Amino acid sequence: MMNYSKQITYNTFGTVVTLFCQWLIIMFIPKITDFAEAGIFAVAISVCSILNHIATFSLKEFQISDQNTRYTDADYKSVRLITIALSFIGIIPFIFVFGYGVEETLVIVAYLIYRNLLHYAYLYSASLQIAERLDYVGIWTAAEGFVSFFSFMATYILTGNLFLSTLIMAIMGGGLFLISQYGGYVKNIKRESTEKFSWKHTRSLLLIGVPLLLSILFPTFTTALPKLILQAQCSDAIAGIFSTLSTPTIIVPTLAISAFAPFIVMFAKTARSGDLYTLRSKYLKIVFILLGFGALCALASIFLQGPVFEKLYGEEVKEYSKYFVYLVIGITFYSIGTVGTTVLITKDQGRLGAISSFISFTIGTLTCMLLIPEMEIAGATYALIISYGAYGAMISACVCIAPLKTRRNNEE
């Protein structure tokens, strides 16, 4: 058995590397061309951040906490194929609502191909996590990040074609990760040839996934909405600048989720045992750690945000860099909500997560509509702080107060 510290190290390393490589792409695009191109890529990421959850129905954490006690790997695969198809269909409403042209649509499709290759690979990664092989997953996650970055940049420098660069990244990076995770699954799990899926289980998983999907989808809408509104009401350049400011803050929830991932199995076992007191106390410890980490990041941002953004992007971004620290504060509360949502899944209380997420999304939508037309980037920043704060507070309250349903379901 690999101890928690090593699992956290490998998983965090892989996640940070791939996130950093994606951030480098966003950073280099305006240097090679302009902020309008960066804005198109940022919008593709924002749209796909919503479609990502449709592609998984947020069942990854449920698969890990289930530990094959109720559903087989074949059941999860059948559901993933259905939800991936739904994610591609989901592009259509965005085209009509936001009026995307051919270039924007092609980049969105290419980026979604990339993400969906990763999403199917995550089925094997979840099984490897249950088998406590996050070391293997983390190493190949880092490799995927490097391959995706270099394949994108090489194509973009040679051709200047954003769609083609994104598509090559999808084939090279996404394909590599899928092959690696399948290979690890066959070597370490060896269930590939013996399991069969059940249509009954497929329908059951889809029903389970609906509230889990909503609990993650609404916060993702909240994150993507300011960029979409800025692009629609201001310009691609303003959306690109805001994306440049907000993208680095993703490191906070990424580190939080990566560090928390090895503990999902432990929380699931605690929930099954019916020990709400232990589950609550462990969760609150994680909350205090996240608050401390967020405070340190915010403090560092106060001193570094101006010089760093000026050095990387020049005067065009410098005047907006003061909002970065506020985005860090907001994303800290988002991180708490995201970790708390996973704990709610182990408690079989996904519906409470969905309700809390919807309320915070409503708050975010109203604040975006009120603040962005008048304040642009400043309004988008304040809207995110308000909605993220509500999200983290409500999810944490649900984790601490809501009863355990997991044990009752097992007894039944």
Protein backbone atom coordinates (compact mmCIF):
# COMPACT_ATOMS: atom_id res chain seq x y z
CA MET A 1 0.00 0.00 0.00
CA MET A 2 1.41 3.40 -1.00
CA ASN A 3 1.09 5.97 1.81
CA TYR A 4 -0.98 9.12 1.41
CA SER A 5 2.00 11.49 1.17
CA LYS A 6 3.46 9.69 -1.84
CA GLN A 7 0.08 9.48 -3.58
CA ILE A 8 -0.47 13.20 -2.99
CA THR A 9 3.02 14.00 -4.32
CA TYR A 10 2.68 12.03 -7.55
CA ASN A 11 -0.90 13.13 -8.22
CA THR A 12 -0.20 16.79 -7.48
CA PHE A 13 2.95 16.76 -9.59
CA GLY A 14 1.12 15.41 -12.62
CA THR A 15 -1.83 17.75 -12.25
CA VAL A 16 0.32 20.86 -11.74
CA VAL A 17 2.50 20.03 -14.75
CA THR A 18 -0.43 19.60 -17.13
CA LEU A 19 -2.18 22.70 -15.75
CA PHE A 20 1.03 24.73 -16.08
CA CYS A 21 1.45 23.56 -19.68
CA GLN A 22 -2.12 24.64 -20.53
CA TRP A 23 -1.45 28.01 -18.92
CA LEU A 24 1.73 28.38 -20.97
CA ILE A 25 -0.31 27.90 -24.13
CA ILE A 26 -2.65 30.73 -23.11
CA MET A 27 0.36 32.88 -22.22
CA PHE A 28 2.22 32.30 -25.50
CA ILE A 29 -0.72 32.72 -27.90
CA PRO A 30 -0.93 36.53 -27.49
CA LYS A 31 2.85 36.78 -27.74
CA ILE A 32 2.77 34.93 -31.08
CA THR A 33 -0.38 36.62 -32.41
CA ASP A 34 -2.67 38.78 -30.24
CA PHE A 35 -5.13 38.78 -27.34
CA ALA A 36 -8.05 38.16 -29.71
CA GLU A 37 -6.64 34.71 -30.54
CA ALA A 38 -6.05 34.09 -26.83
CA GLY A 39 -9.65 35.13 -26.21
CA ILE A 40 -10.93 32.53 -28.70
CA PHE A 41 -8.86 29.80 -27.05
CA ALA A 42 -10.00 30.97 -23.61
CA VAL A 43 -13.65 30.85 -24.70
CA ALA A 44 -13.11 27.30 -26.03
CA ILE A 45 -11.73 26.30 -22.63
CA SER A 46 -14.66 28.00 -20.88
CA VAL A 47 -17.28 26.31 -23.05
CA CYS A 48 -15.56 22.93 -22.70
CA SER A 49 -15.27 23.38 -18.95
CA ILE A 50 -19.07 23.16 -18.95
CA LEU A 51 -19.27 20.35 -21.50
CA ASN A 52 -16.57 18.44 -19.59
CA HIS A 53 -19.03 17.70 -16.83
CA ILE A 54 -21.69 16.56 -19.25
CA ALA A 55 -19.06 14.20 -20.69
CA THR A 56 -18.47 12.61 -17.28
CA PHE A 57 -21.79 13.30 -15.51
CA SER A 58 -19.43 13.99 -12.58
CA LEU A 59 -19.28 10.23 -11.93
CA LYS A 60 -15.50 10.04 -11.52
CA GLU A 61 -15.61 10.68 -7.78
CA PHE A 62 -18.64 8.43 -7.43
CA GLN A 63 -16.77 5.63 -9.23
CA ILE A 64 -13.87 5.98 -6.78
CA SER A 65 -16.11 6.05 -3.70
CA ASP A 66 -18.22 3.16 -5.03
CA GLN A 67 -15.10 0.94 -5.33
CA ASN A 68 -17.05 -1.46 -7.57
CA THR A 69 -19.42 -2.41 -4.74
CA ARG A 70 -22.53 -1.53 -6.78
CA TYR A 71 -21.38 -1.09 -10.38
CA THR A 72 -18.72 -2.68 -12.58
CA ASP A 73 -16.11 -0.94 -14.69
CA ALA A 74 -18.09 -2.01 -17.77
CA ASP A 75 -21.13 -0.16 -16.43
CA TYR A 76 -19.12 3.03 -16.05
CA LYS A 77 -17.72 2.68 -19.58
CA SER A 78 -21.15 2.35 -21.16
CA VAL A 79 -22.34 5.47 -19.37
CA ARG A 80 -19.20 7.41 -20.37
CA LEU A 81 -19.77 6.69 -24.06
CA ILE A 82 -23.33 8.04 -23.79
CA THR A 83 -22.31 11.16 -21.88
CA ILE A 84 -19.42 11.93 -24.26
CA ALA A 85 -21.89 11.86 -27.14
CA LEU A 86 -24.14 14.25 -25.21
CA SER A 87 -21.23 16.64 -24.67
CA PHE A 88 -20.69 16.99 -28.42
CA ILE A 89 -24.39 17.65 -28.93
CA GLY A 90 -24.12 20.28 -26.18
CA ILE A 91 -21.97 22.46 -28.45
CA ILE A 92 -25.02 23.35 -30.55
CA PRO A 93 -26.80 25.55 -27.96
CA PHE A 94 -23.61 27.57 -27.39
CA ILE A 95 -23.34 28.29 -31.12
CA PHE A 96 -26.88 29.65 -31.29
CA VAL A 97 -26.86 31.53 -27.98
CA PHE A 98 -23.48 33.24 -28.36
CA GLY A 99 -23.36 33.35 -32.16
CA TYR A 100 -19.96 31.72 -32.56
CA GLY A 101 -18.46 31.76 -36.04
CA VAL A 102 -16.73 28.92 -37.88
CA GLU A 103 -13.31 29.54 -36.29
CA GLU A 104 -14.61 29.62 -32.72
CA THR A 105 -16.77 26.52 -33.30
CA LEU A 106 -13.90 24.51 -34.81
CA VAL A 107 -11.59 25.36 -31.91
CA ILE A 108 -14.30 24.38 -29.40
CA VAL A 109 -14.83 21.04 -31.19
CA ALA A 110 -11.09 20.31 -31.31
CA TYR A 111 -10.61 21.16 -27.64
CA LEU A 112 -13.60 19.00 -26.69
CA ILE A 113 -12.07 16.06 -28.60
CA TYR A 114 -8.94 16.56 -26.49
CA ARG A 115 -10.89 16.67 -23.24
CA ASN A 116 -13.08 13.67 -24.10
CA LEU A 117 -10.07 11.48 -24.83
CA LEU A 118 -8.89 12.37 -21.33
CA HIS A 119 -12.35 11.75 -19.86
CA TYR A 120 -12.51 8.22 -21.24
CA ALA A 121 -9.00 7.59 -19.94
CA TYR A 122 -10.15 8.75 -16.48
CA LEU A 123 -12.26 5.59 -16.24
CA TYR A 124 -9.03 3.61 -16.07
CA SER A 125 -7.40 6.23 -13.83
CA ALA A 126 -10.24 5.86 -11.29
CA SER A 127 -9.70 2.10 -11.12
CA LEU A 128 -5.97 2.69 -10.68
CA GLN A 129 -6.72 5.15 -7.87
CA ILE A 130 -8.88 2.57 -6.10
CA ALA A 131 -5.90 0.18 -6.44
CA GLU A 132 -3.72 2.94 -4.93
CA ARG A 133 -1.63 3.46 -8.07
CA LEU A 134 -1.86 7.26 -8.23
CA ASP A 135 1.89 7.25 -8.77
CA TYR A 136 1.36 5.73 -12.21
CA VAL A 137 -1.50 8.12 -12.99
CA GLY A 138 0.49 11.17 -11.87
CA ILE A 139 3.55 10.35 -13.96
CA TRP A 140 1.53 9.89 -17.14
CA THR A 141 -0.56 12.99 -16.41
CA ALA A 142 2.67 15.00 -16.41
CA ALA A 143 3.78 13.31 -19.64
CA GLU A 144 0.45 14.20 -21.26
CA GLY A 145 0.90 17.84 -20.23
CA PHE A 146 4.33 18.08 -21.84
CA VAL A 147 3.29 16.31 -25.04
CA SER A 148 0.15 18.43 -25.38
CA PHE A 149 2.10 21.67 -24.90
CA PHE A 150 4.90 20.90 -27.34
CA SER A 151 2.59 19.46 -30.01
CA PHE A 152 0.33 22.53 -29.79
CA MET A 153 3.15 25.07 -29.83
CA ALA A 154 5.06 23.38 -32.66
CA THR A 155 1.95 23.31 -34.85
CA TYR A 156 0.93 26.87 -33.94
CA ILE A 157 4.36 28.34 -34.65
CA LEU A 158 4.57 26.52 -38.00
CA THR A 159 1.01 27.15 -39.21
CA GLY A 160 -0.55 29.93 -37.09
CA ASN A 161 -3.76 27.87 -37.25
CA LEU A 162 -5.47 27.68 -33.86
CA PHE A 163 -7.90 24.90 -34.84
CA LEU A 164 -5.21 22.65 -36.33
CA SER A 165 -2.92 23.21 -33.33
CA THR A 166 -5.69 22.26 -30.91
CA LEU A 167 -6.58 19.17 -32.93
CA ILE A 168 -2.96 17.97 -33.05
CA MET A 169 -2.75 18.52 -29.29
CA ALA A 170 -5.86 16.39 -28.85
CA ILE A 171 -4.48 13.52 -30.92
CA MET A 172 -0.99 13.55 -29.42
CA GLY A 173 -1.64 14.43 -25.77
CA GLY A 174 -5.09 12.93 -25.33
CA GLY A 175 -4.17 9.80 -27.28
CA LEU A 176 -1.00 9.24 -25.24
CA PHE A 177 -2.87 9.51 -21.94
CA LEU A 178 -5.64 7.13 -23.04
CA ILE A 179 -3.15 4.48 -24.16
CA SER A 180 -1.09 4.83 -20.98
CA GLN A 181 -4.07 4.53 -18.63
CA TYR A 182 -5.48 1.54 -20.49
CA GLY A 183 -2.08 -0.15 -20.29
CA GLY A 184 -1.86 0.50 -16.55
CA TYR A 185 -5.40 -0.80 -16.07
CA VAL A 186 -4.71 -4.07 -17.89
CA LYS A 187 -1.45 -4.57 -16.01
CA ASN A 188 -2.70 -3.75 -12.52
CA ILE A 189 -6.46 -4.46 -12.53
CA LYS A 190 -7.01 -7.18 -15.16
CA ARG A 191 -10.79 -7.03 -15.33
CA GLU A 192 -11.07 -6.01 -18.98
CA SER A 193 -12.17 -9.35 -20.49
CA THR A 194 -14.48 -10.64 -17.76
CA GLU A 195 -16.98 -7.88 -17.02
CA LYS A 196 -20.19 -7.10 -18.91
CA PHE A 197 -22.29 -3.98 -18.58
CA SER A 198 -25.96 -3.95 -17.62
CA TRP A 199 -28.53 -1.64 -19.25
CA LYS A 200 -30.29 -1.51 -15.89
CA HIS A 201 -27.08 -0.34 -14.23
CA THR A 202 -26.48 2.13 -17.05
CA ARG A 203 -29.85 3.77 -16.47
CA SER A 204 -29.27 3.74 -12.72
CA LEU A 205 -25.88 5.44 -13.06
CA LEU A 206 -27.31 8.10 -15.35
CA LEU A 207 -29.98 8.88 -12.75
CA ILE A 208 -27.37 9.01 -10.01
CA GLY A 209 -25.25 11.28 -12.18
CA VAL A 210 -27.92 13.94 -12.74
CA PRO A 211 -27.67 15.64 -9.31
CA LEU A 212 -23.90 15.07 -9.27
CA LEU A 213 -23.67 16.73 -12.67
CA LEU A 214 -25.69 19.72 -11.52
CA SER A 215 -23.63 20.08 -8.34
CA ILE A 216 -20.49 20.54 -10.45
CA LEU A 217 -22.02 22.09 -13.55
CA PHE A 218 -23.47 25.17 -11.87
CA PRO A 219 -20.12 26.26 -10.34
CA THR A 220 -18.52 25.70 -13.74
CA PHE A 221 -21.18 27.89 -15.35
CA THR A 222 -20.38 30.48 -12.69
CA THR A 223 -16.68 30.36 -13.62
CA ALA A 224 -17.26 30.51 -17.37
CA LEU A 225 -20.04 33.10 -17.39
CA PRO A 226 -17.92 36.26 -16.79
CA LYS A 227 -15.64 35.40 -19.75
CA LEU A 228 -18.59 34.72 -22.02
CA ILE A 229 -20.34 37.96 -21.02
CA LEU A 230 -17.13 39.98 -21.37
CA GLN A 231 -16.63 38.61 -24.88
CA ALA A 232 -20.25 39.27 -25.86
CA GLN A 233 -20.58 42.76 -24.36
CA CYS A 234 -16.99 44.03 -24.55
CA SER A 235 -14.49 42.33 -26.88
CA ASP A 236 -12.33 39.25 -27.43
CA ALA A 237 -9.37 41.24 -26.13
CA ILE A 238 -11.05 42.09 -22.79
CA ALA A 239 -12.13 38.45 -22.42
CA GLY A 240 -8.55 37.41 -23.17
CA ILE A 241 -7.11 39.77 -20.55
CA PHE A 242 -9.55 38.53 -17.90
CA SER A 243 -8.68 34.94 -18.84
CA THR A 244 -5.00 35.82 -18.48
CA LEU A 245 -5.68 37.06 -14.94
CA SER A 246 -8.03 34.29 -13.86
CA THR A 247 -6.33 31.25 -15.40
CA PRO A 248 -3.34 31.15 -12.98
CA THR A 249 -5.74 31.05 -10.01
CA ILE A 250 -6.83 27.57 -11.13
CA ILE A 251 -3.68 26.31 -9.41
CA VAL A 252 -5.45 26.71 -6.05
CA PRO A 253 -8.39 24.31 -6.67
CA THR A 254 -6.12 22.06 -8.73
CA LEU A 255 -3.73 21.61 -5.81
CA ALA A 256 -6.67 21.23 -3.43
CA ILE A 257 -8.35 18.51 -5.51
CA SER A 258 -5.06 16.74 -6.23
CA ALA A 259 -4.09 16.68 -2.56
CA PHE A 260 -7.58 15.55 -1.55
CA ALA A 261 -7.89 12.78 -4.18
CA PRO A 262 -6.09 10.05 -2.18
CA PHE A 263 -8.50 10.62 0.72
CA ILE A 264 -11.71 9.99 -1.26
CA VAL A 265 -11.58 6.25 -0.56
CA MET A 266 -11.03 6.96 3.14
CA PHE A 267 -14.00 9.35 3.29
CA ALA A 268 -16.16 6.77 1.49
CA LYS A 269 -15.26 4.10 4.05
CA THR A 270 -15.94 6.54 6.91
CA ALA A 271 -19.35 7.37 5.45
CA ARG A 272 -20.23 3.67 5.09
CA SER A 273 -19.31 3.10 8.72
CA GLY A 274 -21.84 5.74 9.80
CA ASP A 275 -19.28 7.85 11.67
CA LEU A 276 -20.51 11.37 10.88
CA TYR A 277 -18.46 12.96 13.67
CA THR A 278 -15.15 11.68 12.25
CA LEU A 279 -16.13 12.62 8.70
CA ARG A 280 -17.10 16.14 9.80
CA SER A 281 -13.91 16.70 11.81
CA LYS A 282 -11.67 15.49 8.99
CA TYR A 283 -13.44 17.73 6.51
CA LEU A 284 -13.12 20.81 8.75
CA LYS A 285 -9.39 20.17 9.06
CA ILE A 286 -9.14 20.22 5.29
CA VAL A 287 -11.17 23.46 5.16
CA PHE A 288 -8.78 25.20 7.58
CA ILE A 289 -5.78 23.99 5.58
CA LEU A 290 -7.32 25.36 2.38
CA LEU A 291 -8.07 28.70 4.03
CA GLY A 292 -4.47 28.93 5.20
CA PHE A 293 -3.12 28.04 1.77
CA GLY A 294 -5.43 30.58 0.13
CA ALA A 295 -4.28 33.27 2.55
CA LEU A 296 -0.63 32.59 1.73
CA CYS A 297 -1.35 32.74 -2.01
CA ALA A 298 -3.27 36.01 -1.59
CA LEU A 299 -0.44 37.53 0.44
CA ALA A 300 2.12 36.55 -2.19
CA SER A 301 -0.15 37.96 -4.91
CA ILE A 302 -0.24 41.41 -3.30
CA PHE A 303 3.53 41.76 -3.75
CA LEU A 304 4.03 39.87 -7.01
CA GLN A 305 0.97 40.47 -9.20
CA GLY A 306 2.03 43.86 -10.59
CA PRO A 307 5.63 43.06 -11.56
CA VAL A 308 4.84 39.54 -12.84
CA PHE A 309 1.95 40.50 -15.12
CA GLU A 310 3.81 43.56 -16.40
CA LYS A 311 6.85 41.41 -17.21
CA LEU A 312 4.77 38.75 -18.97
CA TYR A 313 2.22 40.88 -20.80
CA GLY A 314 3.27 44.51 -20.64
CA GLU A 315 1.27 47.65 -19.90
CA GLU A 316 -1.92 46.33 -21.51
CA VAL A 317 -2.48 43.94 -18.61
CA LYS A 318 -0.66 45.78 -15.83
CA GLU A 319 -3.56 48.13 -15.06
CA TYR A 320 -5.83 45.12 -14.40
CA SER A 321 -3.33 43.09 -12.36
CA LYS A 322 -4.67 44.54 -9.08
CA TYR A 323 -7.73 42.30 -9.41
CA PHE A 324 -5.65 39.12 -9.33
CA VAL A 325 -5.52 38.95 -5.51
CA TYR A 326 -9.31 39.18 -5.35
CA LEU A 327 -9.59 36.32 -7.82
CA VAL A 328 -7.27 34.26 -5.60
CA ILE A 329 -9.49 34.90 -2.58
CA GLY A 330 -12.57 33.92 -4.52
CA ILE A 331 -11.05 30.74 -5.94
CA THR A 332 -10.11 29.63 -2.42
CA PHE A 333 -13.80 29.48 -1.48
CA TYR A 334 -14.48 27.70 -4.76
CA SER A 335 -11.84 25.09 -3.80
CA ILE A 336 -13.54 24.51 -0.45
CA GLY A 337 -16.85 24.01 -2.22
CA THR A 338 -15.36 21.60 -4.75
CA VAL A 339 -13.75 19.41 -2.09
CA GLY A 340 -16.94 19.58 -0.02
CA THR A 341 -19.01 18.44 -3.00
CA THR A 342 -16.85 15.32 -3.28
CA VAL A 343 -17.41 14.62 0.42
CA LEU A 344 -21.16 14.99 -0.13
CA ILE A 345 -20.89 12.36 -2.88
CA THR A 346 -19.30 9.92 -0.42
CA LYS A 347 -22.25 10.65 1.90
CA ASP A 348 -24.67 9.97 -0.98
CA GLN A 349 -25.96 13.54 -0.62
CA GLY A 350 -25.33 14.75 -4.15
CA ARG A 351 -28.74 16.44 -4.30
CA LEU A 352 -27.77 18.88 -1.58
CA GLY A 353 -24.68 19.74 -3.57
CA ALA A 354 -26.84 20.40 -6.63
CA ILE A 355 -29.19 22.70 -4.68
CA SER A 356 -26.32 24.67 -3.14
CA SER A 357 -24.59 24.97 -6.51
CA PHE A 358 -27.76 26.24 -8.18
CA ILE A 359 -28.25 28.93 -5.53
CA SER A 360 -24.65 30.13 -5.88
CA PHE A 361 -24.96 30.08 -9.69
CA THR A 362 -28.10 32.23 -9.47
CA ILE A 363 -26.23 34.68 -7.27
CA GLY A 364 -23.31 34.68 -9.73
CA THR A 365 -25.55 35.25 -12.75
CA LEU A 366 -27.32 38.20 -11.14
CA THR A 367 -24.09 39.84 -9.99
CA CYS A 368 -22.47 39.34 -13.41
CA MET A 369 -25.45 40.93 -15.18
CA LEU A 370 -25.43 43.85 -12.75
CA LEU A 371 -21.70 44.53 -12.49
CA ILE A 372 -20.04 43.60 -15.79
CA PRO A 373 -21.86 46.12 -18.07
CA GLU A 374 -20.68 48.99 -15.90
CA MET A 375 -17.37 47.73 -14.48
CA GLU A 376 -16.16 45.17 -17.05
CA ILE A 377 -13.20 43.21 -15.58
CA ALA A 378 -13.68 44.66 -12.10
CA GLY A 379 -17.35 43.66 -12.15
CA ALA A 380 -16.48 40.13 -13.30
CA THR A 381 -13.99 39.82 -10.44
CA TYR A 382 -16.42 40.97 -7.74
CA ALA A 383 -19.18 38.77 -9.12
CA LEU A 384 -16.95 35.70 -8.83
CA ILE A 385 -15.95 36.50 -5.24
CA ILE A 386 -19.59 36.80 -4.17
CA SER A 387 -20.78 33.62 -5.91
CA TYR A 388 -17.74 31.54 -4.89
CA GLY A 389 -18.10 32.66 -1.28
CA ALA A 390 -21.74 31.57 -1.22
CA TYR A 391 -20.82 28.25 -2.86
CA GLY A 392 -18.10 27.35 -0.36
CA ALA A 393 -20.21 28.35 2.65
CA MET A 394 -23.34 26.43 1.61
CA ILE A 395 -21.49 23.25 0.62
CA SER A 396 -19.54 23.22 3.90
CA ALA A 397 -22.76 23.65 5.86
CA CYS A 398 -24.27 20.67 4.05
CA VAL A 399 -21.23 18.49 4.76
CA CYS A 400 -21.36 19.29 8.47
CA ILE A 401 -25.12 19.18 9.01
CA ALA A 402 -26.63 16.71 6.51
CA PRO A 403 -27.09 13.11 7.76
CA LEU A 404 -25.34 10.13 6.21
CA LYS A 405 -27.39 8.33 3.56
CA THR A 406 -24.61 5.95 2.50
CA ARG A 407 -25.01 3.63 5.47
CA ARG A 408 -28.78 3.50 5.13
CA ASN A 409 -28.49 2.62 1.44
CA ASN A 410 -26.07 -0.22 2.25
CA GLU A 411 -28.36 -1.59 4.92
CA GLU A 412 -31.30 -1.55 2.52
